[in-house]
N, C-alpha and C. Protein backbone atom coordinates (compact mmCIF):
# COMPACT_ATOMS: atom_id res chain seq x y z
N UNK A 1 -20.34 8.66 -3.09
CA UNK A 1 -21.55 9.14 -2.99
C UNK A 1 -21.45 10.40 -2.18
N UNK A 2 -22.02 11.55 -2.64
CA UNK A 2 -21.85 12.87 -1.98
C UNK A 2 -22.92 12.90 -0.93
N UNK A 3 -22.85 13.89 -0.05
CA UNK A 3 -23.66 14.03 1.16
C UNK A 3 -25.18 14.31 0.85
N UNK A 4 -25.39 14.98 -0.33
CA UNK A 4 -26.69 15.23 -0.80
C UNK A 4 -27.39 13.88 -1.14
N UNK A 5 -26.69 13.24 -1.92
CA UNK A 5 -27.16 11.79 -2.36
C UNK A 5 -27.44 10.81 -1.12
N UNK A 6 -26.51 10.95 -0.22
CA UNK A 6 -26.55 10.10 1.00
C UNK A 6 -27.88 10.47 1.79
N UNK A 7 -28.05 11.82 2.01
CA UNK A 7 -29.16 12.20 2.72
C UNK A 7 -30.54 11.78 2.16
N UNK A 8 -30.50 11.87 0.69
CA UNK A 8 -31.73 11.37 0.06
C UNK A 8 -31.97 9.91 0.23
N UNK A 9 -30.86 9.17 0.11
CA UNK A 9 -30.94 7.66 0.16
C UNK A 9 -31.42 7.19 1.61
N UNK A 10 -30.97 8.05 2.63
CA UNK A 10 -31.37 7.65 3.96
C UNK A 10 -32.88 7.99 4.11
N UNK A 11 -33.31 9.25 3.71
CA UNK A 11 -34.61 9.54 3.73
C UNK A 11 -35.60 8.44 3.15
N UNK A 12 -35.16 8.02 2.02
CA UNK A 12 -36.08 6.91 1.23
C UNK A 12 -36.02 5.63 1.95
N UNK A 13 -35.22 5.43 2.98
CA UNK A 13 -35.19 4.15 3.73
C UNK A 13 -36.25 4.19 4.71
N UNK A 14 -36.88 5.44 5.07
CA UNK A 14 -37.97 5.45 6.14
C UNK A 14 -39.34 5.45 5.43
N UNK A 15 -40.38 4.72 6.39
CA UNK A 15 -41.66 4.83 5.97
C UNK A 15 -42.61 5.53 6.85
N UNK A 16 -41.96 6.04 7.98
CA UNK A 16 -42.70 6.90 8.85
C UNK A 16 -41.69 8.12 9.28
N UNK A 17 -42.36 9.16 9.64
CA UNK A 17 -41.75 10.31 10.36
C UNK A 17 -42.45 11.06 11.14
N UNK A 18 -41.76 11.97 11.97
CA UNK A 18 -42.46 12.85 12.82
C UNK A 18 -42.49 14.25 11.93
N UNK A 19 -43.78 14.72 11.87
CA UNK A 19 -43.99 16.10 11.17
C UNK A 19 -44.02 17.01 12.32
N UNK A 20 -43.25 18.17 12.40
CA UNK A 20 -43.41 19.12 13.44
C UNK A 20 -43.78 20.43 12.80
N UNK A 21 -44.92 20.96 13.25
CA UNK A 21 -45.39 22.39 12.87
C UNK A 21 -45.43 23.21 14.04
N UNK A 22 -45.57 24.47 13.78
CA UNK A 22 -45.85 25.46 14.88
C UNK A 22 -47.24 25.80 15.12
N UNK A 23 -47.49 25.84 16.47
CA UNK A 23 -48.79 26.21 16.87
C UNK A 23 -49.14 27.64 16.84
N UNK A 24 -50.37 28.13 17.02
CA UNK A 24 -50.75 29.58 16.94
C UNK A 24 -50.18 30.37 17.89
N UNK A 25 -49.72 29.59 19.12
CA UNK A 25 -49.16 30.47 20.21
C UNK A 25 -47.64 30.31 20.17
N UNK A 26 -47.07 29.81 19.20
CA UNK A 26 -45.62 29.80 19.07
C UNK A 26 -45.04 28.54 19.46
N UNK A 27 -45.77 27.53 19.93
CA UNK A 27 -45.24 26.28 20.44
C UNK A 27 -45.00 25.36 19.19
N UNK A 28 -44.62 24.19 19.50
CA UNK A 28 -44.24 23.08 18.52
C UNK A 28 -45.28 21.95 18.72
N UNK A 29 -45.77 21.36 17.65
CA UNK A 29 -46.56 20.14 17.65
C UNK A 29 -46.12 19.00 16.73
N UNK A 30 -45.87 17.90 17.28
CA UNK A 30 -45.29 16.95 16.45
C UNK A 30 -46.28 15.68 16.50
N UNK A 31 -46.20 14.92 15.38
CA UNK A 31 -47.07 13.78 15.23
C UNK A 31 -46.51 12.87 14.14
N UNK A 32 -46.65 11.52 14.43
CA UNK A 32 -46.20 10.57 13.37
C UNK A 32 -46.99 10.57 12.33
N UNK A 33 -46.37 10.39 11.11
CA UNK A 33 -46.99 10.26 9.85
C UNK A 33 -46.41 9.32 8.89
N UNK A 34 -47.23 8.63 8.13
CA UNK A 34 -46.69 7.71 7.19
C UNK A 34 -46.21 8.43 6.09
N UNK A 35 -45.04 8.10 5.57
CA UNK A 35 -44.60 8.77 4.38
C UNK A 35 -45.12 8.08 3.09
N UNK A 36 -45.82 9.07 2.34
CA UNK A 36 -46.57 8.43 1.06
C UNK A 36 -45.45 8.32 0.00
N UNK A 37 -44.51 9.31 -0.09
CA UNK A 37 -43.40 9.28 -1.03
C UNK A 37 -42.24 10.14 -0.68
N UNK A 38 -41.14 9.73 -0.75
CA UNK A 38 -39.99 10.51 -0.68
C UNK A 38 -39.20 10.47 -2.00
N UNK A 39 -39.26 11.74 -2.74
CA UNK A 39 -38.72 11.80 -4.11
C UNK A 39 -37.17 11.89 -4.13
N UNK A 40 -36.64 11.76 -5.21
CA UNK A 40 -35.32 11.83 -5.60
C UNK A 40 -34.73 13.20 -5.25
N UNK A 41 -35.58 14.25 -5.19
CA UNK A 41 -35.04 15.62 -4.84
C UNK A 41 -35.29 15.97 -3.54
N UNK A 42 -35.71 14.98 -2.68
CA UNK A 42 -35.89 15.19 -1.29
C UNK A 42 -37.17 15.67 -0.64
N UNK A 43 -38.28 15.79 -1.67
CA UNK A 43 -39.51 16.22 -1.14
C UNK A 43 -40.20 14.95 -0.53
N UNK A 44 -40.97 15.33 0.55
CA UNK A 44 -41.82 14.25 1.14
C UNK A 44 -43.24 14.57 0.94
N UNK A 45 -44.08 13.50 0.74
CA UNK A 45 -45.47 13.58 0.57
C UNK A 45 -46.15 12.87 1.67
N UNK A 46 -47.10 13.45 2.20
CA UNK A 46 -48.02 12.84 3.36
C UNK A 46 -49.42 12.99 2.87
N UNK A 47 -50.22 12.01 3.44
CA UNK A 47 -51.79 12.10 3.20
C UNK A 47 -52.40 12.48 4.57
N UNK A 48 -53.33 13.36 4.50
CA UNK A 48 -53.95 13.81 5.83
C UNK A 48 -55.36 14.26 5.72
N UNK A 49 -55.98 14.39 6.84
CA UNK A 49 -57.45 14.78 6.93
C UNK A 49 -57.47 16.40 6.78
N UNK A 50 -58.07 17.00 5.82
CA UNK A 50 -58.12 18.42 5.64
C UNK A 50 -58.68 19.23 6.80
N UNK A 51 -59.25 18.50 7.75
CA UNK A 51 -59.90 19.09 8.97
C UNK A 51 -59.01 18.86 10.32
N UNK A 52 -57.77 18.42 10.07
CA UNK A 52 -56.99 18.17 11.17
C UNK A 52 -56.31 19.49 11.68
N UNK A 53 -55.83 19.51 12.94
CA UNK A 53 -55.17 20.73 13.50
C UNK A 53 -53.88 21.16 12.64
N UNK A 54 -53.10 20.10 12.12
CA UNK A 54 -51.98 20.53 11.39
C UNK A 54 -52.22 21.32 10.29
N UNK A 55 -53.46 21.21 9.53
CA UNK A 55 -53.87 22.03 8.54
C UNK A 55 -54.04 23.50 8.91
N UNK A 56 -54.67 23.61 9.92
CA UNK A 56 -54.78 25.01 10.48
C UNK A 56 -53.58 25.71 10.97
N UNK A 57 -52.44 24.91 11.43
CA UNK A 57 -51.22 25.39 11.90
C UNK A 57 -50.45 25.82 10.75
N UNK A 58 -50.50 25.00 9.52
CA UNK A 58 -49.88 25.34 8.21
C UNK A 58 -50.41 26.49 7.49
N UNK A 59 -51.58 26.80 7.75
CA UNK A 59 -52.18 28.07 7.09
C UNK A 59 -51.55 29.29 7.87
N UNK A 60 -51.14 29.14 9.06
CA UNK A 60 -50.47 30.23 9.87
C UNK A 60 -48.94 30.37 9.46
N UNK A 61 -48.25 29.12 9.38
CA UNK A 61 -46.90 29.07 9.14
C UNK A 61 -46.53 27.77 8.51
N UNK A 62 -45.91 27.80 7.40
CA UNK A 62 -45.59 26.67 6.58
C UNK A 62 -44.23 26.11 6.89
N UNK A 63 -43.53 26.78 7.78
CA UNK A 63 -42.18 26.20 8.23
C UNK A 63 -42.48 24.86 8.98
N UNK A 64 -41.57 23.90 8.75
CA UNK A 64 -41.89 22.59 9.36
C UNK A 64 -40.54 21.94 9.59
N UNK A 65 -40.52 20.91 10.52
CA UNK A 65 -39.33 20.12 10.55
C UNK A 65 -39.81 18.64 10.55
N UNK A 66 -39.06 17.70 9.96
CA UNK A 66 -39.40 16.35 9.87
C UNK A 66 -38.23 15.52 10.45
N UNK A 67 -38.55 14.58 11.30
CA UNK A 67 -37.53 13.76 11.90
C UNK A 67 -37.86 12.31 11.62
N UNK A 68 -36.85 11.59 11.36
CA UNK A 68 -36.96 10.15 11.17
C UNK A 68 -35.82 9.47 12.07
N UNK A 69 -36.19 8.36 12.52
CA UNK A 69 -35.14 7.63 13.36
C UNK A 69 -35.36 6.08 13.15
N UNK A 70 -34.24 5.37 12.88
CA UNK A 70 -34.26 3.99 12.87
C UNK A 70 -33.17 3.51 13.99
N UNK A 71 -32.79 2.33 13.89
CA UNK A 71 -32.00 1.71 15.07
C UNK A 71 -30.66 2.44 15.02
N UNK A 72 -30.06 2.56 13.83
CA UNK A 72 -28.79 3.21 13.74
C UNK A 72 -28.70 4.37 12.67
N UNK A 73 -29.90 4.88 12.25
CA UNK A 73 -30.03 6.04 11.26
C UNK A 73 -30.97 6.99 11.83
N UNK A 74 -30.47 8.34 11.63
CA UNK A 74 -31.30 9.42 12.04
C UNK A 74 -31.22 10.44 11.03
N UNK A 75 -32.40 11.14 10.71
CA UNK A 75 -32.37 12.23 9.67
C UNK A 75 -33.35 13.29 10.17
N UNK A 76 -32.98 14.62 9.90
CA UNK A 76 -33.88 15.65 10.14
C UNK A 76 -33.99 16.64 8.98
N UNK A 77 -34.98 17.02 8.66
CA UNK A 77 -35.17 17.96 7.48
C UNK A 77 -35.91 19.23 8.02
N UNK A 78 -35.83 20.32 7.46
CA UNK A 78 -36.53 21.53 7.72
C UNK A 78 -36.73 22.24 6.39
N UNK A 79 -38.03 22.84 6.30
CA UNK A 79 -38.41 23.50 5.09
C UNK A 79 -39.73 23.98 5.15
N UNK A 80 -40.34 24.09 3.98
CA UNK A 80 -41.83 24.49 3.90
C UNK A 80 -42.74 23.38 3.57
N UNK A 81 -44.05 23.47 4.08
CA UNK A 81 -44.99 22.39 3.82
C UNK A 81 -46.19 23.02 3.23
N UNK A 82 -46.63 22.47 2.11
CA UNK A 82 -47.79 23.10 1.37
C UNK A 82 -48.96 21.95 1.37
N UNK A 83 -50.11 22.45 1.56
CA UNK A 83 -51.38 21.63 1.42
C UNK A 83 -51.84 21.72 0.04
N UNK A 84 -52.09 20.49 -0.69
CA UNK A 84 -52.43 20.47 -2.03
C UNK A 84 -53.50 19.51 -2.23
N UNK A 85 -54.38 19.72 -3.11
CA UNK A 85 -55.52 18.86 -3.45
C UNK A 85 -55.24 18.30 -4.92
N UNK A 86 -54.03 17.81 -5.08
CA UNK A 86 -53.74 17.32 -6.45
C UNK A 86 -54.22 15.92 -6.46
N UNK A 87 -55.46 15.66 -7.19
CA UNK A 87 -55.99 14.32 -7.32
C UNK A 87 -55.28 13.37 -8.03
N UNK A 88 -54.49 13.84 -9.11
CA UNK A 88 -53.59 12.93 -9.97
C UNK A 88 -52.53 12.45 -9.05
N UNK A 89 -52.04 13.24 -8.17
CA UNK A 89 -50.82 12.82 -7.33
C UNK A 89 -51.45 11.82 -6.28
N UNK A 90 -52.73 12.13 -5.75
CA UNK A 90 -53.36 11.21 -4.85
C UNK A 90 -53.54 9.87 -5.44
N UNK A 91 -53.92 9.89 -6.70
CA UNK A 91 -54.17 8.63 -7.45
C UNK A 91 -52.82 7.81 -7.44
N UNK A 92 -51.81 8.48 -7.76
CA UNK A 92 -50.46 7.96 -7.83
C UNK A 92 -50.07 7.28 -6.55
N UNK A 93 -50.32 7.93 -5.33
CA UNK A 93 -49.79 7.62 -4.13
C UNK A 93 -50.66 6.69 -3.36
N UNK A 94 -51.94 6.58 -3.66
CA UNK A 94 -52.99 5.86 -2.89
C UNK A 94 -52.55 4.52 -2.50
N UNK A 95 -52.76 4.12 -1.23
CA UNK A 95 -52.50 2.88 -0.66
C UNK A 95 -53.81 2.38 0.07
N UNK A 96 -54.22 1.18 -0.19
CA UNK A 96 -55.51 0.64 0.38
C UNK A 96 -55.54 0.74 1.92
N UNK A 97 -54.35 0.61 2.46
CA UNK A 97 -54.31 0.52 3.99
C UNK A 97 -54.86 1.89 4.36
N UNK A 98 -54.80 3.03 3.65
CA UNK A 98 -55.33 4.30 4.21
C UNK A 98 -56.83 4.47 4.37
N UNK A 99 -57.51 3.38 3.93
CA UNK A 99 -58.85 3.36 4.18
C UNK A 99 -59.29 3.20 5.68
N UNK A 100 -58.28 2.92 6.50
CA UNK A 100 -58.59 3.00 7.94
C UNK A 100 -58.86 4.42 8.34
N UNK A 101 -58.10 5.42 7.80
CA UNK A 101 -58.34 6.80 8.01
C UNK A 101 -59.25 7.54 7.17
N UNK A 102 -59.38 6.90 6.03
CA UNK A 102 -60.37 7.61 4.88
C UNK A 102 -61.38 6.48 4.40
N UNK A 103 -62.33 6.10 5.10
CA UNK A 103 -63.22 4.97 4.75
C UNK A 103 -63.85 5.09 3.27
N UNK A 104 -63.86 6.31 2.79
CA UNK A 104 -64.52 6.36 1.45
C UNK A 104 -63.27 6.24 0.30
N UNK A 105 -62.08 5.92 0.81
CA UNK A 105 -61.00 5.62 -0.13
C UNK A 105 -60.41 7.04 -0.70
N UNK A 106 -59.80 6.97 -1.85
CA UNK A 106 -59.17 8.09 -2.38
C UNK A 106 -60.14 9.15 -2.84
N UNK A 107 -61.49 8.78 -2.80
CA UNK A 107 -62.44 9.88 -3.08
C UNK A 107 -62.94 10.49 -1.87
N UNK A 108 -62.53 10.17 -0.71
CA UNK A 108 -62.99 10.64 0.60
C UNK A 108 -62.88 12.29 0.34
N UNK A 109 -63.83 13.04 0.70
CA UNK A 109 -63.72 14.41 0.69
C UNK A 109 -62.82 15.15 1.67
N UNK A 110 -62.46 14.43 2.69
CA UNK A 110 -61.75 14.94 3.80
C UNK A 110 -60.16 14.73 3.62
N UNK A 111 -59.84 14.00 2.43
CA UNK A 111 -58.40 13.60 2.26
C UNK A 111 -57.62 14.86 1.40
N UNK A 112 -56.51 15.16 1.96
CA UNK A 112 -55.64 16.05 1.23
C UNK A 112 -54.15 15.65 1.27
N UNK A 113 -53.38 16.21 0.48
CA UNK A 113 -51.91 15.90 0.54
C UNK A 113 -51.10 17.11 1.17
N UNK A 114 -50.06 16.60 1.75
CA UNK A 114 -48.94 17.73 2.32
C UNK A 114 -47.72 17.40 1.50
N UNK A 115 -47.16 18.36 0.94
CA UNK A 115 -45.88 18.30 0.31
C UNK A 115 -44.79 19.07 1.03
N UNK A 116 -43.84 18.38 1.64
CA UNK A 116 -42.68 19.11 2.35
C UNK A 116 -41.57 19.35 1.28
N UNK A 117 -41.10 20.65 1.23
CA UNK A 117 -40.11 21.04 0.27
C UNK A 117 -38.93 21.37 1.20
N UNK A 118 -38.03 20.42 1.55
CA UNK A 118 -37.03 20.67 2.39
C UNK A 118 -35.86 21.72 1.91
N UNK A 119 -35.38 22.46 2.77
CA UNK A 119 -34.44 23.48 2.40
C UNK A 119 -33.09 23.09 3.01
N UNK A 120 -32.98 22.17 3.93
CA UNK A 120 -31.81 21.63 4.62
C UNK A 120 -32.12 20.44 5.25
N UNK A 121 -31.02 19.66 5.55
CA UNK A 121 -31.24 18.42 6.30
C UNK A 121 -29.89 18.02 6.89
N UNK A 122 -29.95 17.03 7.84
CA UNK A 122 -28.83 16.58 8.48
C UNK A 122 -29.11 15.03 8.79
N UNK A 123 -27.93 14.29 8.67
CA UNK A 123 -28.15 12.86 9.06
C UNK A 123 -27.02 12.38 9.86
N UNK A 124 -27.21 11.13 10.55
CA UNK A 124 -26.33 10.63 11.34
C UNK A 124 -26.51 9.04 10.89
N UNK A 125 -25.54 8.40 10.52
CA UNK A 125 -25.68 7.07 10.09
C UNK A 125 -24.72 6.16 10.65
N UNK A 126 -24.98 5.34 11.61
CA UNK A 126 -24.00 4.40 12.16
C UNK A 126 -24.39 2.93 11.78
N UNK A 127 -24.95 2.82 10.68
CA UNK A 127 -25.37 1.59 10.27
C UNK A 127 -24.29 0.83 9.34
N UNK A 128 -24.37 -0.54 9.34
CA UNK A 128 -23.39 -1.25 8.39
C UNK A 128 -22.06 -1.13 8.77
N UNK A 129 -21.30 -1.16 7.55
CA UNK A 129 -19.73 -0.87 7.82
C UNK A 129 -19.28 0.51 8.28
N UNK A 130 -20.22 1.47 8.05
CA UNK A 130 -19.98 2.70 8.57
C UNK A 130 -20.06 2.74 10.07
N UNK A 131 -21.00 2.05 10.68
CA UNK A 131 -20.96 1.88 12.10
C UNK A 131 -19.94 1.22 12.66
N UNK A 132 -19.52 0.21 12.09
CA UNK A 132 -18.47 -0.58 12.49
C UNK A 132 -17.20 0.17 12.53
N UNK A 133 -17.03 0.90 11.39
CA UNK A 133 -15.73 1.81 11.28
C UNK A 133 -15.76 2.83 12.51
N UNK A 134 -16.88 3.50 12.71
CA UNK A 134 -16.96 4.40 13.63
C UNK A 134 -16.68 3.83 15.10
N UNK A 135 -17.32 2.67 15.27
CA UNK A 135 -16.95 2.02 16.72
C UNK A 135 -15.60 1.69 16.87
N UNK A 136 -14.81 1.33 15.80
CA UNK A 136 -13.40 1.10 15.79
C UNK A 136 -12.57 2.43 16.25
N UNK A 137 -13.00 3.40 15.47
CA UNK A 137 -12.34 4.72 15.71
C UNK A 137 -12.69 5.22 17.16
N UNK A 138 -13.98 5.06 17.71
CA UNK A 138 -14.37 5.58 18.99
C UNK A 138 -13.46 4.82 19.93
N UNK A 139 -13.34 3.40 19.82
CA UNK A 139 -12.74 2.64 20.62
C UNK A 139 -11.22 3.16 20.76
N UNK A 140 -10.59 3.37 19.67
CA UNK A 140 -9.25 3.91 19.57
C UNK A 140 -9.20 5.27 20.41
N UNK A 141 -10.06 6.10 20.05
CA UNK A 141 -10.15 7.48 20.62
C UNK A 141 -10.23 7.39 22.22
N UNK A 142 -11.03 6.40 22.61
CA UNK A 142 -11.28 6.16 24.00
C UNK A 142 -9.95 5.78 24.80
N UNK A 143 -9.42 4.78 24.16
CA UNK A 143 -8.25 4.30 24.70
C UNK A 143 -7.01 5.34 24.79
N UNK A 144 -7.05 6.18 23.71
CA UNK A 144 -6.12 7.28 23.68
C UNK A 144 -6.38 8.64 24.41
N UNK A 145 -7.66 8.57 25.01
CA UNK A 145 -8.24 9.77 25.83
C UNK A 145 -8.49 10.92 24.81
N UNK A 146 -8.85 10.63 23.59
CA UNK A 146 -9.20 11.64 22.68
C UNK A 146 -10.82 11.55 22.32
N UNK A 147 -11.09 12.52 21.53
CA UNK A 147 -12.50 12.58 21.09
C UNK A 147 -12.57 11.87 19.83
N UNK A 148 -13.61 11.11 19.60
CA UNK A 148 -13.78 10.36 18.38
C UNK A 148 -14.33 11.36 17.29
N UNK A 149 -13.73 11.29 16.16
CA UNK A 149 -14.11 12.22 15.03
C UNK A 149 -15.11 11.46 14.19
N UNK A 150 -16.03 12.17 13.57
CA UNK A 150 -16.90 11.58 12.46
C UNK A 150 -16.51 12.24 11.20
N UNK A 151 -17.05 11.56 10.18
CA UNK A 151 -16.84 12.21 8.82
C UNK A 151 -18.17 12.12 8.12
N UNK A 152 -18.22 12.59 6.82
CA UNK A 152 -19.42 12.83 6.12
C UNK A 152 -20.14 11.42 5.87
N UNK A 153 -19.55 10.21 6.09
CA UNK A 153 -20.19 9.06 5.88
C UNK A 153 -21.26 8.82 7.09
N UNK A 154 -20.81 9.42 8.15
CA UNK A 154 -21.63 9.34 9.28
C UNK A 154 -22.45 10.50 9.72
N UNK A 155 -21.99 11.68 9.59
CA UNK A 155 -22.84 12.94 9.81
C UNK A 155 -22.63 14.05 8.86
N UNK A 156 -23.51 14.74 8.44
CA UNK A 156 -23.43 15.81 7.56
C UNK A 156 -24.63 16.66 7.53
N UNK A 157 -24.36 17.95 7.47
CA UNK A 157 -25.48 18.99 7.19
C UNK A 157 -25.48 19.27 5.71
N UNK A 158 -26.70 19.23 5.18
CA UNK A 158 -26.82 19.33 3.67
C UNK A 158 -27.89 20.50 3.40
N UNK A 159 -27.42 21.36 2.38
CA UNK A 159 -28.49 22.32 1.97
C UNK A 159 -29.17 21.66 0.73
N UNK A 160 -30.41 21.66 0.59
CA UNK A 160 -31.19 21.18 -0.46
C UNK A 160 -31.73 22.06 -1.44
């Protein structure tokens, strides 16, 4: 598996992410978001309220970062985020649990979609056999007074 495929596979393991936007004064604003869909080409889809602060921030600057963290897996993406009112896509993605935020369901006038088009990403994966292998190498490096090396199974930067 190449690094691009591994990054996409890791992204698809997550159901929530932190979406980070730029504020009008140049600061950063992060909030947890449920991932509606992670596509095979790396795009992320989120559902949000069209009156939220993130929409105003995205109108000023579409550059975003997205971070995901599990017990032994970490991913970060950066790219452009677009607001879209694609009703067919919303119909495809709709989950009944979202009625907590949108009481009128998928026809709620306040619902809109965010599509993140990543340009690059990075992952760190210390899960499963990859993690065990790294622990063995790290232990050996420690005993020998050396730095533990990682490979693309553990960490890689990827252009998307």
